[in-house]
Amino acid sequence: MDYRFFYNERQLPCARLSMDHEAFGLWLTDELGADTEQLSRLLQAITSLEQGQQTDFQWQGRDFLLRLTRDDAEVIALVLLQDHSLEELEGEDLEFYDAESFAACGLDDFKELLSEWQEFLLD
């Protein structure tokens, strides 16, 4: 998963991710942004998952739902959930949907992405 972080013309942090992971970039830019407190809570949730203290974690933002398990991370645009339940979406091949509406990766890769985002924000 390749990514690039930068500040836009309004000096807001932005993320652009490689093909098939674009939704993570939108989620970082639009949902998480520069909220370092929420970022710390997400990293703590990942640690809890890794240590077996919980089996899954969800966080709903304005436009996306973030779902974490001990193995995977995914973001799903809430507009997809208007027409389908999570159970229906789990049974489907989500590659059918727009790359800006859904993305998934391993939990380790997602943790690395968040850690890099945190470093970017602190620089």
PDB file of N, CA and C in Angstrom:
ATOM      1  N   MET A   1       0.857  -1.168   0.000  1.00  0.00           N
ATOM      2  CA  MET A   1       0.000   0.000   0.000  1.00  0.00           C
ATOM      3  C   MET A   1       0.905   1.233   0.000  1.00  0.00           C
ATOM      4  N   ASP A   2       0.836   1.985  -1.067  1.00  0.00           N
ATOM      5  CA  ASP A   2       1.629   3.210  -1.185  1.00  0.00           C
ATOM      6  C   ASP A   2       0.763   4.410  -0.823  1.00  0.00           C
ATOM      7  N   TYR A   3       1.400   5.401  -0.205  1.00  0.00           N
ATOM      8  CA  TYR A   3       0.660   6.595   0.174  1.00  0.00           C
ATOM      9  C   TYR A   3       1.569   7.810   0.186  1.00  0.00           C
ATOM     10  N   ARG A   4       0.909   8.962   0.130  1.00  0.00           N
ATOM     11  CA  ARG A   4       1.609  10.247   0.168  1.00  0.00           C
ATOM     12  C   ARG A   4       0.787  11.184   1.029  1.00  0.00           C
ATOM     13  N   PHE A   5       1.466  11.854   1.955  1.00  0.00           N
ATOM     14  CA  PHE A   5       0.822  12.837   2.821  1.00  0.00           C
ATOM     15  C   PHE A   5       1.308  14.224   2.439  1.00  0.00           C
ATOM     16  N   PHE A   6       0.414  15.195   2.503  1.00  0.00           N
ATOM     17  CA  PHE A   6       0.773  16.570   2.163  1.00  0.00           C
ATOM     18  C   PHE A   6      -0.251  17.511   2.789  1.00  0.00           C
ATOM     19  N   TYR A   7       0.054  18.786   2.757  1.00  0.00           N
ATOM     20  CA  TYR A   7      -0.895  19.807   3.204  1.00  0.00           C
ATOM     21  C   TYR A   7      -1.456  20.506   1.975  1.00  0.00           C
ATOM     22  N   ASN A   8      -2.774  20.693   1.955  1.00  0.00           N
ATOM     23  CA  ASN A   8      -3.388  21.368   0.816  1.00  0.00           C
ATOM     24  C   ASN A   8      -3.209  22.882   0.931  1.00  0.00           C
ATOM     25  N   GLU A   9      -3.821  23.617   0.009  1.00  0.00           N
ATOM     26  CA  GLU A   9      -3.663  25.073  -0.033  1.00  0.00           C
ATOM     27  C   GLU A   9      -4.235  25.766   1.203  1.00  0.00           C
ATOM     28  N   ARG A  10      -5.139  25.100   1.918  1.00  0.00           N
ATOM     29  CA  ARG A  10      -5.681  25.661   3.167  1.00  0.00           C
ATOM     30  C   ARG A  10      -4.913  25.161   4.392  1.00  0.00           C
ATOM     31  N   GLN A  11      -3.794  24.495   4.135  1.00  0.00           N
ATOM     32  CA  GLN A  11      -2.926  23.940   5.180  1.00  0.00           C
ATOM     33  C   GLN A  11      -3.607  22.846   6.012  1.00  0.00           C
ATOM     34  N   LEU A  12      -4.497  22.100   5.381  1.00  0.00           N
ATOM     35  CA  LEU A  12      -5.126  20.947   6.018  1.00  0.00           C
ATOM     36  C   LEU A  12      -4.398  19.683   5.582  1.00  0.00           C
ATOM     37  N   PRO A  13      -4.209  18.718   6.490  1.00  0.00           N
ATOM     38  CA  PRO A  13      -3.505  17.488   6.122  1.00  0.00           C
ATOM     39  C   PRO A  13      -4.349  16.637   5.175  1.00  0.00           C
ATOM     40  N   CYS A  14      -3.679  16.086   4.165  1.00  0.00           N
ATOM     41  CA  CYS A  14      -4.345  15.254   3.164  1.00  0.00           C
ATOM     42  C   CYS A  14      -3.542  13.981   2.941  1.00  0.00           C
ATOM     43  N   ALA A  15      -4.242  12.929   2.556  1.00  0.00           N
ATOM     44  CA  ALA A  15      -3.600  11.652   2.256  1.00  0.00           C
ATOM     45  C   ALA A  15      -4.098  11.153   0.907  1.00  0.00           C
ATOM     46  N   ARG A  16      -3.185  10.647   0.112  1.00  0.00           N
ATOM     47  CA  ARG A  16      -3.516   9.997  -1.152  1.00  0.00           C
ATOM     48  C   ARG A  16      -2.908   8.608  -1.105  1.00  0.00           C
ATOM     49  N   LEU A  17      -3.734   7.604  -1.361  1.00  0.00           N
ATOM     50  CA  LEU A  17      -3.273   6.227  -1.315  1.00  0.00           C
ATOM     51  C   LEU A  17      -3.361   5.583  -2.682  1.00  0.00           C
ATOM     52  N   SER A  18      -2.641   4.486  -2.815  1.00  0.00           N
ATOM     53  CA  SER A  18      -2.572   3.767  -4.078  1.00  0.00           C
ATOM     54  C   SER A  18      -3.928   3.166  -4.449  1.00  0.00           C
ATOM     55  N   MET A  19      -4.004   2.745  -5.686  1.00  0.00           N
ATOM     56  CA  MET A  19      -5.212   2.144  -6.232  1.00  0.00           C
ATOM     57  C   MET A  19      -5.690   1.024  -5.310  1.00  0.00           C
ATOM     58  N   ASP A  20      -6.965   0.872  -5.173  1.00  0.00           N
ATOM     59  CA  ASP A  20      -7.632  -0.088  -4.295  1.00  0.00           C
ATOM     60  C   ASP A  20      -7.622   0.331  -2.830  1.00  0.00           C
ATOM     61  N   HIS A  21      -6.920   1.404  -2.501  1.00  0.00           N
ATOM     62  CA  HIS A  21      -6.889   1.888  -1.119  1.00  0.00           C
ATOM     63  C   HIS A  21      -7.283   3.365  -1.026  1.00  0.00           C
ATOM     64  N   GLU A  22      -7.829   3.922  -2.100  1.00  0.00           N
ATOM     65  CA  GLU A  22      -8.177   5.341  -2.119  1.00  0.00           C
ATOM     66  C   GLU A  22      -9.122   5.731  -0.987  1.00  0.00           C
ATOM     67  N   ALA A  23     -10.029   4.839  -0.622  1.00  0.00           N
ATOM     68  CA  ALA A  23     -10.990   5.164   0.436  1.00  0.00           C
ATOM     69  C   ALA A  23     -10.289   5.424   1.769  1.00  0.00           C
ATOM     70  N   PHE A  24      -9.158   4.767   2.012  1.00  0.00           N
ATOM     71  CA  PHE A  24      -8.396   5.058   3.229  1.00  0.00           C
ATOM     72  C   PHE A  24      -7.875   6.496   3.199  1.00  0.00           C
ATOM     73  N   GLY A  25      -7.470   6.958   2.030  1.00  0.00           N
ATOM     74  CA  GLY A  25      -7.008   8.339   1.908  1.00  0.00           C
ATOM     75  C   GLY A  25      -8.116   9.335   2.193  1.00  0.00           C
ATOM     76  N   LEU A  26      -9.296   9.074   1.654  1.00  0.00           N
ATOM     77  CA  LEU A  26     -10.446   9.945   1.932  1.00  0.00           C
ATOM     78  C   LEU A  26     -10.800   9.907   3.414  1.00  0.00           C
ATOM     79  N   TRP A  27     -10.760   8.716   3.991  1.00  0.00           N
ATOM     80  CA  TRP A  27     -11.080   8.578   5.408  1.00  0.00           C
ATOM     81  C   TRP A  27     -10.078   9.353   6.268  1.00  0.00           C
ATOM     82  N   LEU A  28      -8.779   9.203   5.983  1.00  0.00           N
ATOM     83  CA  LEU A  28      -7.769   9.942   6.746  1.00  0.00           C
ATOM     84  C   LEU A  28      -7.969  11.445   6.602  1.00  0.00           C
ATOM     85  N   THR A  29      -8.175  11.895   5.373  1.00  0.00           N
ATOM     86  CA  THR A  29      -8.290  13.324   5.090  1.00  0.00           C
ATOM     87  C   THR A  29      -9.570  13.921   5.666  1.00  0.00           C
ATOM     88  N   ASP A  30     -10.700  13.271   5.403  1.00  0.00           N
ATOM     89  CA  ASP A  30     -11.997  13.864   5.732  1.00  0.00           C
ATOM     90  C   ASP A  30     -12.542  13.487   7.103  1.00  0.00           C
ATOM     91  N   GLU A  31     -12.263  12.290   7.562  1.00  0.00           N
ATOM     92  CA  GLU A  31     -12.825  11.831   8.836  1.00  0.00           C
ATOM     93  C   GLU A  31     -11.873  12.070  10.004  1.00  0.00           C
ATOM     94  N   LEU A  32     -10.640  11.635   9.852  1.00  0.00           N
ATOM     95  CA  LEU A  32      -9.693  11.737  10.959  1.00  0.00           C
ATOM     96  C   LEU A  32      -8.990  13.081  10.970  1.00  0.00           C
ATOM     97  N   GLY A  33      -8.521  13.510   9.811  1.00  0.00           N
ATOM     98  CA  GLY A  33      -7.857  14.806   9.710  1.00  0.00           C
ATOM     99  C   GLY A  33      -6.738  14.954  10.718  1.00  0.00           C
ATOM    100  N   ALA A  34      -6.683  16.090  11.382  1.00  0.00           N
ATOM    101  CA  ALA A  34      -5.619  16.387  12.347  1.00  0.00           C
ATOM    102  C   ALA A  34      -6.042  16.074  13.782  1.00  0.00           C
ATOM    103  N   ASP A  35      -7.066  15.256  13.963  1.00  0.00           N
ATOM    104  CA  ASP A  35      -7.569  14.917  15.298  1.00  0.00           C
ATOM    105  C   ASP A  35      -6.642  13.896  15.959  1.00  0.00           C
ATOM    106  N   THR A  36      -5.614  14.395  16.623  1.00  0.00           N
ATOM    107  CA  THR A  36      -4.611  13.506  17.226  1.00  0.00           C
ATOM    108  C   THR A  36      -5.177  12.724  18.413  1.00  0.00           C
ATOM    109  N   GLU A  37      -6.191  13.255  19.076  1.00  0.00           N
ATOM    110  CA  GLU A  37      -6.811  12.506  20.179  1.00  0.00           C
ATOM    111  C   GLU A  37      -7.522  11.263  19.653  1.00  0.00           C
ATOM    112  N   GLN A  38      -8.294  11.414  18.582  1.00  0.00           N
ATOM    113  CA  GLN A  38      -8.967  10.258  17.992  1.00  0.00           C
ATOM    114  C   GLN A  38      -7.940   9.297  17.414  1.00  0.00           C
ATOM    115  N   LEU A  39      -6.898   9.811  16.831  1.00  0.00           N
ATOM    116  CA  LEU A  39      -5.829   8.972  16.296  1.00  0.00           C
ATOM    117  C   LEU A  39      -5.226   8.121  17.407  1.00  0.00           C
ATOM    118  N   SER A  40      -4.966   8.706  18.553  1.00  0.00           N
ATOM    119  CA  SER A  40      -4.427   7.955  19.696  1.00  0.00           C
ATOM    120  C   SER A  40      -5.411   6.885  20.158  1.00  0.00           C
ATOM    121  N   ARG A  41      -6.707   7.204  20.167  1.00  0.00           N
ATOM    122  CA  ARG A  41      -7.714   6.206  20.556  1.00  0.00           C
ATOM    123  C   ARG A  41      -7.740   5.042  19.569  1.00  0.00           C
ATOM    124  N   LEU A  42      -7.581   5.332  18.288  1.00  0.00           N
ATOM    125  CA  LEU A  42      -7.567   4.266  17.285  1.00  0.00           C
ATOM    126  C   LEU A  42      -6.340   3.379  17.442  1.00  0.00           C
ATOM    127  N   LEU A  43      -5.191   3.986  17.681  1.00  0.00           N
ATOM    128  CA  LEU A  43      -3.975   3.193  17.892  1.00  0.00           C
ATOM    129  C   LEU A  43      -4.099   2.338  19.151  1.00  0.00           C
ATOM    130  N   GLN A  44      -4.744   2.856  20.173  1.00  0.00           N
ATOM    131  CA  GLN A  44      -4.978   2.068  21.392  1.00  0.00           C
ATOM    132  C   GLN A  44      -5.926   0.907  21.108  1.00  0.00           C
ATOM    133  N   ALA A  45      -6.949   1.141  20.305  1.00  0.00           N
ATOM    134  CA  ALA A  45      -7.876   0.067  19.935  1.00  0.00           C
ATOM    135  C   ALA A  45      -7.138  -1.032  19.182  1.00  0.00           C
ATOM    136  N   ILE A  46      -6.215  -0.658  18.310  1.00  0.00           N
ATOM    137  CA  ILE A  46      -5.427  -1.648  17.575  1.00  0.00           C
ATOM    138  C   ILE A  46      -4.578  -2.461  18.544  1.00  0.00           C
ATOM    139  N   THR A  47      -3.965  -1.797  19.511  1.00  0.00           N
ATOM    140  CA  THR A  47      -3.174  -2.510  20.521  1.00  0.00           C
ATOM    141  C   THR A  47      -4.056  -3.500  21.282  1.00  0.00           C
ATOM    142  N   SER A  48      -5.260  -3.091  21.641  1.00  0.00           N
ATOM    143  CA  SER A  48      -6.195  -3.989  22.335  1.00  0.00           C
ATOM    144  C   SER A  48      -6.549  -5.192  21.472  1.00  0.00           C
ATOM    145  N   LEU A  49      -6.734  -4.971  20.185  1.00  0.00           N
ATOM    146  CA  LEU A  49      -7.006  -6.076  19.267  1.00  0.00           C
ATOM    147  C   LEU A  49      -5.806  -7.012  19.185  1.00  0.00           C
ATOM    148  N   GLU A  50      -4.625  -6.455  19.044  1.00  0.00           N
ATOM    149  CA  GLU A  50      -3.412  -7.267  18.932  1.00  0.00           C
ATOM    150  C   GLU A  50      -3.169  -8.099  20.188  1.00  0.00           C
ATOM    151  N   GLN A  51      -3.513  -7.555  21.339  1.00  0.00           N
ATOM    152  CA  GLN A  51      -3.296  -8.254  22.604  1.00  0.00           C
ATOM    153  C   GLN A  51      -4.448  -9.190  22.966  1.00  0.00           C
ATOM    154  N   GLY A  52      -5.450  -9.263  22.108  1.00  0.00           N
ATOM    155  CA  GLY A  52      -6.573 -10.158  22.339  1.00  0.00           C
ATOM    156  C   GLY A  52      -7.572  -9.664  23.366  1.00  0.00           C
ATOM    157  N   GLN A  53      -7.505  -8.394  23.716  1.00  0.00           N
ATOM    158  CA  GLN A  53      -8.429  -7.838  24.705  1.00  0.00           C
ATOM    159  C   GLN A  53      -9.813  -7.585  24.114  1.00  0.00           C
ATOM    160  N   GLN A  54      -9.895  -7.485  22.804  1.00  0.00           N
ATOM    161  CA  GLN A  54     -11.176  -7.372  22.121  1.00  0.00           C
ATOM    162  C   GLN A  54     -11.036  -8.014  20.751  1.00  0.00           C
ATOM    163  N   THR A  55     -12.177  -8.382  20.157  1.00  0.00           N
ATOM    164  CA  THR A  55     -12.137  -9.082  18.874  1.00  0.00           C
ATOM    165  C   THR A  55     -12.405  -8.170  17.692  1.00  0.00           C
ATOM    166  N   ASP A  56     -13.107  -7.064  17.943  1.00  0.00           N
ATOM    167  CA  ASP A  56     -13.367  -6.130  16.850  1.00  0.00           C
ATOM    168  C   ASP A  56     -13.590  -4.730  17.411  1.00  0.00           C
ATOM    169  N   PHE A  57     -13.575  -3.765  16.504  1.00  0.00           N
ATOM    170  CA  PHE A  57     -13.733  -2.359  16.873  1.00  0.00           C
ATOM    171  C   PHE A  57     -14.372  -1.645  15.693  1.00  0.00           C
ATOM    172  N   GLN A  58     -15.305  -0.737  15.976  1.00  0.00           N
ATOM    173  CA  GLN A  58     -15.921   0.068  14.921  1.00  0.00           C
ATOM    174  C   GLN A  58     -15.948   1.530  15.343  1.00  0.00           C
ATOM    175  N   TRP A  59     -15.764   2.391  14.360  1.00  0.00           N
ATOM    176  CA  TRP A  59     -15.885   3.829  14.591  1.00  0.00           C
ATOM    177  C   TRP A  59     -16.600   4.429  13.387  1.00  0.00           C
ATOM    178  N   GLN A  60     -17.728   5.077  13.635  1.00  0.00           N
ATOM    179  CA  GLN A  60     -18.491   5.701  12.560  1.00  0.00           C
ATOM    180  C   GLN A  60     -18.237   7.192  12.547  1.00  0.00           C
ATOM    181  N   GLY A  61     -17.790   7.670  11.402  1.00  0.00           N
ATOM    182  CA  GLY A  61     -17.598   9.095  11.197  1.00  0.00           C
ATOM    183  C   GLY A  61     -18.778   9.679  10.449  1.00  0.00           C
ATOM    184  N   ARG A  62     -18.561  10.826   9.835  1.00  0.00           N
ATOM    185  CA  ARG A  62     -19.631  11.476   9.068  1.00  0.00           C
ATOM    186  C   ARG A  62     -19.939  10.733   7.773  1.00  0.00           C
ATOM    187  N   ASP A  63     -18.893  10.234   7.108  1.00  0.00           N
ATOM    188  CA  ASP A  63     -19.066   9.630   5.786  1.00  0.00           C
ATOM    189  C   ASP A  63     -18.648   8.169   5.699  1.00  0.00           C
ATOM    190  N   PHE A  64     -17.859   7.691   6.657  1.00  0.00           N
ATOM    191  CA  PHE A  64     -17.320   6.337   6.598  1.00  0.00           C
ATOM    192  C   PHE A  64     -17.492   5.598   7.913  1.00  0.00           C
ATOM    193  N   LEU A  65     -17.576   4.281   7.808  1.00  0.00           N
ATOM    194  CA  LEU A  65     -17.513   3.389   8.954  1.00  0.00           C
ATOM    195  C   LEU A  65     -16.161   2.691   8.897  1.00  0.00           C
ATOM    196  N   LEU A  66     -15.404   2.762   9.971  1.00  0.00           N
ATOM    197  CA  LEU A  66     -14.140   2.038  10.098  1.00  0.00           C
ATOM    198  C   LEU A  66     -14.421   0.780  10.899  1.00  0.00           C
ATOM    199  N   ARG A  67     -14.013  -0.362  10.351  1.00  0.00           N
ATOM    200  CA  ARG A  67     -14.160  -1.641  11.053  1.00  0.00           C
ATOM    201  C   ARG A  67     -12.796  -2.291  11.178  1.00  0.00           C
ATOM    202  N   LEU A  68     -12.462  -2.689  12.406  1.00  0.00           N
ATOM    203  CA  LEU A  68     -11.196  -3.360  12.666  1.00  0.00           C
ATOM    204  C   LEU A  68     -11.467  -4.711  13.312  1.00  0.00           C
ATOM    205  N   THR A  69     -10.716  -5.714  12.876  1.00  0.00           N
ATOM    206  CA  THR A  69     -10.702  -7.008  13.548  1.00  0.00           C
ATOM    207  C   THR A  69      -9.252  -7.293  13.910  1.00  0.00           C
ATOM    208  N   ARG A  70      -9.008  -8.435  14.503  1.00  0.00           N
ATOM    209  CA  ARG A  70      -7.628  -8.782  14.862  1.00  0.00           C
ATOM    210  C   ARG A  70      -6.739  -8.953  13.637  1.00  0.00           C
ATOM    211  N   ASP A  71      -7.345  -9.136  12.478  1.00  0.00           N
ATOM    212  CA  ASP A  71      -6.574  -9.368  11.257  1.00  0.00           C
ATOM    213  C   ASP A  71      -6.694  -8.267  10.218  1.00  0.00           C
ATOM    214  N   ASP A  72      -7.840  -7.598  10.162  1.00  0.00           N
ATOM    215  CA  ASP A  72      -8.131  -6.716   9.036  1.00  0.00           C
ATOM    216  C   ASP A  72      -8.639  -5.343   9.460  1.00  0.00           C
ATOM    217  N   ALA A  73      -8.526  -4.414   8.517  1.00  0.00           N
ATOM    218  CA  ALA A  73      -9.096  -3.074   8.661  1.00  0.00           C
ATOM    219  C   ALA A  73      -9.840  -2.758   7.374  1.00  0.00           C
ATOM    220  N   GLU A  74     -10.994  -2.129   7.505  1.00  0.00           N
ATOM    221  CA  GLU A  74     -11.722  -1.707   6.315  1.00  0.00           C
ATOM    222  C   GLU A  74     -12.499  -0.440   6.603  1.00  0.00           C
ATOM    223  N   VAL A  75     -12.640   0.369   5.572  1.00  0.00           N
ATOM    224  CA  VAL A  75     -13.507   1.538   5.627  1.00  0.00           C
ATOM    225  C   VAL A  75     -14.594   1.347   4.573  1.00  0.00           C
ATOM    226  N   ILE A  76     -15.808   1.694   4.972  1.00  0.00           N
ATOM    227  CA  ILE A  76     -16.974   1.535   4.101  1.00  0.00           C
ATOM    228  C   ILE A  76     -17.726   2.859   4.103  1.00  0.00           C
ATOM    229  N   ALA A  77     -17.970   3.393   2.926  1.00  0.00           N
ATOM    230  CA  ALA A  77     -18.748   4.632   2.824  1.00  0.00           C
ATOM    231  C   ALA A  77     -20.157   4.383   3.345  1.00  0.00           C
ATOM    232  N   LEU A  78     -20.640   5.301   4.144  1.00  0.00           N
ATOM    233  CA  LEU A  78     -21.970   5.141   4.725  1.00  0.00           C
ATOM    234  C   LEU A  78     -23.066   5.102   3.664  1.00  0.00           C
ATOM    235  N   VAL A  79     -22.815   5.690   2.501  1.00  0.00           N
ATOM    236  CA  VAL A  79     -23.826   5.630   1.433  1.00  0.00           C
ATOM    237  C   VAL A  79     -24.062   4.188   0.997  1.00  0.00           C
ATOM    238  N   LEU A  80     -23.042   3.329   1.083  1.00  0.00           N
ATOM    239  CA  LEU A  80     -23.243   1.912   0.760  1.00  0.00           C
ATOM    240  C   LEU A  80     -24.174   1.257   1.770  1.00  0.00           C
ATOM    241  N   LEU A  81     -24.084   1.703   3.019  1.00  0.00           N
ATOM    242  CA  LEU A  81     -24.895   1.107   4.078  1.00  0.00           C
ATOM    243  C   LEU A  81     -26.339   1.591   4.041  1.00  0.00           C
ATOM    244  N   GLN A  82     -26.617   2.624   3.250  1.00  0.00           N
ATOM    245  CA  GLN A  82     -28.001   3.075   3.103  1.00  0.00           C
ATOM    246  C   GLN A  82     -28.812   2.062   2.307  1.00  0.00           C
ATOM    247  N   ASP A  83     -28.137   1.382   1.380  1.00  0.00           N
ATOM    248  CA  ASP A  83     -28.829   0.433   0.510  1.00  0.00           C
ATOM    249  C   ASP A  83     -28.616  -1.023   0.908  1.00  0.00           C
ATOM    250  N   HIS A  84     -27.590  -1.286   1.738  1.00  0.00           N
ATOM    251  CA  HIS A  84     -27.237  -2.663   2.097  1.00  0.00           C
ATOM    252  C   HIS A  84     -26.890  -2.733   3.576  1.00  0.00           C
ATOM    253  N   SER A  85     -27.163  -3.873   4.189  1.00  0.00           N
ATOM    254  CA  SER A  85     -26.715  -4.081   5.564  1.00  0.00           C
ATOM    255  C   SER A  85     -25.257  -4.537   5.537  1.00  0.00           C
ATOM    256  N   LEU A  86     -24.589  -4.451   6.681  1.00  0.00           N
ATOM    257  CA  LEU A  86     -23.209  -4.939   6.759  1.00  0.00           C
ATOM    258  C   LEU A  86     -23.140  -6.414   6.401  1.00  0.00           C
ATOM    259  N   GLU A  87     -24.127  -7.179   6.828  1.00  0.00           N
ATOM    260  CA  GLU A  87     -24.144  -8.610   6.534  1.00  0.00           C
ATOM    261  C   GLU A  87     -24.231  -8.853   5.024  1.00  0.00           C
ATOM    262  N   GLU A  88     -25.050  -8.077   4.344  1.00  0.00           N
ATOM    263  CA  GLU A  88     -25.153  -8.209   2.888  1.00  0.00           C
ATOM    264  C   GLU A  88     -23.837  -7.857   2.217  1.00  0.00           C
ATOM    265  N   LEU A  89     -23.194  -6.794   2.689  1.00  0.00           N
ATOM    266  CA  LEU A  89     -21.930  -6.370   2.084  1.00  0.00           C
ATOM    267  C   LEU A  89     -20.825  -7.378   2.330  1.00  0.00           C
ATOM    268  N   GLU A  90     -20.834  -8.034   3.497  1.00  0.00           N
ATOM    269  CA  GLU A  90     -19.803  -9.024   3.790  1.00  0.00           C
ATOM    270  C   GLU A  90     -19.871 -10.191   2.817  1.00  0.00           C
ATOM    271  N   GLY A  91     -21.066 -10.499   2.324  1.00  0.00           N
ATOM    272  CA  GLY A  91     -21.222 -11.612   1.411  1.00  0.00           C
ATOM    273  C   GLY A  91     -20.936 -11.262  -0.035  1.00  0.00           C
ATOM    274  N   GLU A  92     -20.704 -10.001  -0.327  1.00  0.00           N
ATOM    275  CA  GLU A  92     -20.504  -9.565  -1.708  1.00  0.00           C
ATOM    276  C   GLU A  92     -19.041  -9.323  -2.018  1.00  0.00           C
ATOM    277  N   ASP A  93     -18.735  -9.330  -3.296  1.00  0.00           N
ATOM    278  CA  ASP A  93     -17.409  -8.935  -3.755  1.00  0.00           C
ATOM    279  C   ASP A  93     -17.400  -7.415  -3.820  1.00  0.00           C
ATOM    280  N   LEU A  94     -16.785  -6.782  -2.844  1.00  0.00           N
ATOM    281  CA  LEU A  94     -16.851  -5.325  -2.740  1.00  0.00           C
ATOM    282  C   LEU A  94     -15.994  -4.606  -3.769  1.00  0.00           C
ATOM    283  N   GLU A  95     -15.220  -5.353  -4.550  1.00  0.00           N
ATOM    284  CA  GLU A  95     -14.462  -4.708  -5.616  1.00  0.00           C
ATOM    285  C   GLU A  95     -15.398  -4.093  -6.651  1.00  0.00           C
ATOM    286  N   PHE A  96     -16.639  -4.542  -6.660  1.00  0.00           N
ATOM    287  CA  PHE A  96     -17.645  -3.991  -7.562  1.00  0.00           C
ATOM    288  C   PHE A  96     -17.875  -2.509  -7.270  1.00  0.00           C
ATOM    289  N   TYR A  97     -17.754  -2.131  -6.011  1.00  0.00           N
ATOM    290  CA  TYR A  97     -18.039  -0.761  -5.612  1.00  0.00           C
ATOM    291  C   TYR A  97     -16.888   0.164  -5.955  1.00  0.00           C
ATOM    292  N   ASP A  98     -17.201   1.420  -6.053  1.00  0.00           N
ATOM    293  CA  ASP A  98     -16.234   2.469  -6.325  1.00  0.00           C
ATOM    294  C   ASP A  98     -15.091   2.392  -5.323  1.00  0.00           C
ATOM    295  N   ALA A  99     -13.862   2.529  -5.818  1.00  0.00           N
ATOM    296  CA  ALA A  99     -12.679   2.449  -4.961  1.00  0.00           C
ATOM    297  C   ALA A  99     -12.670   3.534  -3.897  1.00  0.00           C
ATOM    298  N   GLU A 100     -13.434   4.591  -4.096  1.00  0.00           N
ATOM    299  CA  GLU A 100     -13.503   5.654  -3.093  1.00  0.00           C
ATOM    300  C   GLU A 100     -14.553   5.365  -2.024  1.00  0.00           C
ATOM    301  N   SER A 101     -15.255   4.238  -2.161  1.00  0.00           N
ATOM    302  CA  SER A 101     -16.308   3.887  -1.212  1.00  0.00           C
ATOM    303  C   SER A 101     -15.920   2.757  -0.270  1.00  0.00           C
ATOM    304  N   PHE A 102     -14.913   1.984  -0.637  1.00  0.00           N
ATOM    305  CA  PHE A 102     -14.520   0.837   0.179  1.00  0.00           C
ATOM    306  C   PHE A 102     -13.035   0.559   0.002  1.00  0.00           C
ATOM    307  N   ALA A 103     -12.375   0.219   1.104  1.00  0.00           N
ATOM    308  CA  ALA A 103     -10.986  -0.239   1.053  1.00  0.00           C
ATOM    309  C   ALA A 103     -10.746  -1.161   2.234  1.00  0.00           C
ATOM    310  N   ALA A 104      -9.837  -2.109   2.044  1.00  0.00           N
ATOM    311  CA  ALA A 104      -9.489  -3.046   3.110  1.00  0.00           C
ATOM    312  C   ALA A 104      -8.004  -3.357   3.035  1.00  0.00           C
ATOM    313  N   CYS A 105      -7.449  -3.689   4.193  1.00  0.00           N
ATOM    314  CA  CYS A 105      -6.050  -4.106   4.264  1.00  0.00           C
ATOM    315  C   CYS A 105      -5.861  -4.873   5.568  1.00  0.00           C
ATOM    316  N   GLY A 106      -4.666  -5.410   5.758  1.00  0.00           N
ATOM    317  CA  GLY A 106      -4.352  -6.087   7.002  1.00  0.00           C
ATOM    318  C   GLY A 106      -4.222  -5.088   8.139  1.00  0.00           C
ATOM    319  N   LEU A 107      -4.457  -5.563   9.358  1.00  0.00           N
ATOM    320  CA  LEU A 107      -4.383  -4.681  10.522  1.00  0.00           C
ATOM    321  C   LEU A 107      -2.979  -4.108  10.687  1.00  0.00           C
ATOM    322  N   ASP A 108      -1.946  -4.906  10.411  1.00  0.00           N
ATOM    323  CA  ASP A 108      -0.564  -4.411  10.531  1.00  0.00           C
ATOM    324  C   ASP A 108      -0.304  -3.248   9.584  1.00  0.00           C
ATOM    325  N   ASP A 109      -0.765  -3.379   8.337  1.00  0.00           N
ATOM    326  CA  ASP A 109      -0.585  -2.296   7.365  1.00  0.00           C
ATOM    327  C   ASP A 109      -1.350  -1.043   7.793  1.00  0.00           C
ATOM    328  N   PHE A 110      -2.545  -1.240   8.334  1.00  0.00           N
ATOM    329  CA  PHE A 110      -3.342  -0.096   8.781  1.00  0.00           C
ATOM    330  C   PHE A 110      -2.673   0.599   9.963  1.00  0.00           C
ATOM    331  N   LYS A 111      -2.134  -0.187  10.880  1.00  0.00           N
ATOM    332  CA  LYS A 111      -1.429   0.395  12.028  1.00  0.00           C
ATOM    333  C   LYS A 111      -0.230   1.212  11.556  1.00  0.00           C
ATOM    334  N   GLU A 112       0.503   0.683  10.578  1.00  0.00           N
ATOM    335  CA  GLU A 112       1.645   1.419  10.024  1.00  0.00           C
ATOM    336  C   GLU A 112       1.181   2.721   9.371  1.00  0.00           C
ATOM    337  N   LEU A 113       0.078   2.665   8.631  1.00  0.00           N
ATOM    338  CA  LEU A 113      -0.477   3.868   8.003  1.00  0.00           C
ATOM    339  C   LEU A 113      -0.817   4.921   9.057  1.00  0.00           C
ATOM    340  N   LEU A 114      -1.491   4.510  10.130  1.00  0.00           N
ATOM    341  CA  LEU A 114      -1.851   5.460  11.185  1.00  0.00           C
ATOM    342  C   LEU A 114      -0.622   6.017  11.891  1.00  0.00           C
ATOM    343  N   SER A 115       0.374   5.176  12.107  1.00  0.00           N
ATOM    344  CA  SER A 115       1.608   5.640  12.759  1.00  0.00           C
ATOM    345  C   SER A 115       2.334   6.660  11.894  1.00  0.00           C
ATOM    346  N   GLU A 116       2.380   6.407  10.592  1.00  0.00           N
ATOM    347  CA  GLU A 116       3.003   7.358   9.668  1.00  0.00           C
ATOM    348  C   GLU A 116       2.209   8.668   9.621  1.00  0.00           C
ATOM    349  N   TRP A 117       0.883   8.575   9.639  1.00  0.00           N
ATOM    350  CA  TRP A 117       0.023   9.761   9.659  1.00  0.00           C
ATOM    351  C   TRP A 117       0.297  10.572  10.926  1.00  0.00           C
ATOM    352  N   GLN A 118       0.432   9.883  12.048  1.00  0.00           N
ATOM    353  CA  GLN A 118       0.723  10.549  13.314  1.00  0.00           C
ATOM    354  C   GLN A 118       2.062  11.289  13.243  1.00  0.00           C
ATOM    355  N   GLU A 119       3.073  10.626  12.693  1.00  0.00           N
ATOM    356  CA  GLU A 119       4.386  11.276  12.534  1.00  0.00           C
ATOM    357  C   GLU A 119       4.281  12.498  11.630  1.00  0.00           C
ATOM    358  N   PHE A 120       3.535  12.362  10.533  1.00  0.00           N
ATOM    359  CA  PHE A 120       3.338  13.471   9.607  1.00  0.00           C
ATOM    360  C   PHE A 120       2.700  14.665  10.315  1.00  0.00           C
ATOM    361  N   LEU A 121       1.680  14.407  11.125  1.00  0.00           N
ATOM    362  CA  LEU A 121       0.989  15.490  11.826  1.00  0.00           C
ATOM    363  C   LEU A 121       1.881  16.163  12.863  1.00  0.00           C
ATOM    364  N   LEU A 122       2.783  15.409  13.453  1.00  0.00           N
ATOM    365  CA  LEU A 122       3.639  15.958  14.504  1.00  0.00           C
ATOM    366  C   LEU A 122       4.855  16.699  13.966  1.00  0.00           C
ATOM    367  N   ASP A 123       5.178  16.485  12.697  1.00  0.00           N
ATOM    368  CA  ASP A 123       6.339  17.180  12.099  1.00  0.00           C
ATOM    369  C   ASP A 123       6.062  18.641  11.845  1.00  0.00           C
TER     370      ASP A 123
END
